[in-house]
Amino acid sequence: MMKPRFIIVGCITMVLMTVTVFINLSRAEEYSLADLYRIALERSERIKLSEEDLYISERTKDKAISVLFPRLSTFGNFTGYSEDKRSATGAVIQPDYSTSWGLRLDQSLSLSGRELDAFKISKDNIEKSKYDLDAVREEYIFGVSSAYYDVLRVKKAVDIARANVERLTKHRDAAAIRVRVGEVTKTVLLRAEAELSGAQSELIRGENALSFAKTVLARVVGLTGDYDLKEVPEGNQYPAGYKPEDALGPLKEAALSERAELKSLDIQKKIAGDQVKYARGLYWPTLSIEGVYLGRDEDPASAFINRESIYAGIKLTFPFFEGGLRRAEVMEAMAKQRQANLIYEDLRKRINVEVENAYLDYMTQKGVLKSLEDRLAFARENYSAISRQFEFGLANSIDVMDANTLLVTAERQLVDAAYNYKLSILRIERVTGRLMKRVTGKQAAIRY
């Protein structure tokens, strides 16, 4: 009697467990900005390309070191002849075959020390690649921030559009009631219907824009599947004591001392100077030293065969004429040095402009934000008052539409200003070269 009951209870339990698992699997993953930073740094193809550049620079250093060590090689040779030949006295002139083998130790260095210059350049290139990697990471992180705030901005715009549809639906229903009782003409209802249709169209466009913004963010970060964003609370978004409104002068000084791109170009200037020295080393002679062990055998063997020998040699080579190649390479290296200096100075000027632009944008967004908050409060109060007046016949439909348009505009402008304000702070950190340090510090705090 009890067995069917247990079967039914078991089936219900399995169904509930299956539904629970399905709900958990279908739930969208939620990411904070710090999570997006971490994932982007792990998955970004652009960052991986820069990491490969750093790896190549390290291998270039290994090649430069290898030139400073002597080369040890072994060799062997076998020669077969058509026939052996002998002199009239029976001495072997040509054997049937002969073999030789041995070891060779040789080293070739320029008296100018060009090999040491190349090694020094390779070490500097590693440092330059590290700064280039930091610059790529920082730029990429700022791109992630921009895409993140774009999604939040569009999401808020969708919420505003949805609220606008709800308000206009209530207004349309109120207008329909007043038309039925004969308080207003049908044109009021038609106007309300038209405004509602326009709001519904805006909502559809907003939802599509949100889908596209999430797709862009997923591509930038490397996300797969559906996801949602978790907005960081205002109090935890920026490190304590950080004041973007600091004087413009110190911000520029910080940028000139912290920007990874400028540090990279500073090393490039040093490398360009070393490359000039390296090219001038072509005017110096090259010293070659070798030591060889040589073994020989042949059949039939000659009475005078030297079966084993060890010898050493020194050779000094100096090309007197090479068609102007050395002069051309020196002049080319000097031109590249001038280019490096010009690029460095140009970047310094651009950084100053970027810092000033970011600073002024921050101050603008900060000033605009407060006035837009006040405007939104006034717009909400105005819409509420006019809506009540319309219900009692003290205001017409045009007044309600104007008040609603003012409210929607104020809400959108405030959302744009709020996220522009947050992004302007990150932009100041980016142009002053402090963004990556803040992100790294935040990630370290999250890990521990």
Foldseek 3Di string as FASTA:
>chain_A
DCVVVVVVVVVVVVVVVVVVVVCVVQDFAEAELLRLLVLQCVDPPVLVVLVVQLVVLVVQLVVLVVLVAKDKDKDKDKAADPAWDADPVGFTPRFRMKMKIWMKTKHKFFPLRLSVLSNVLSVLSSLLSVLVSLLSSLVLSLVLLVLVLQLVLLVLLLVLLVVLLVVLVVVLVLVVVCCVVPNDPCVLNVVSVVVNVVSVVSNVVSVVSSVVSVVVSCVSRVDDDGHHYDYDDPVPPDDPPDDLLPDLVVLLVLLCVARSVLVSLVSVLVSLVSQLSSLVSLQTKMKMKMKMWMAMDGVVDGPPDDGIDIDMDMDIDGDPDDPCPSVVSNVVSVVSSVVSVVVSVVVSVVLSVLLVVLSVLLVVLVVVLVVLVVQLVVLVVQLVVQVVCVSVPNHGSVSNVVSSVSNSVSSSVNSVSVSSNVSSVSSSCSSSNNNVVRSVVVVVVVVD
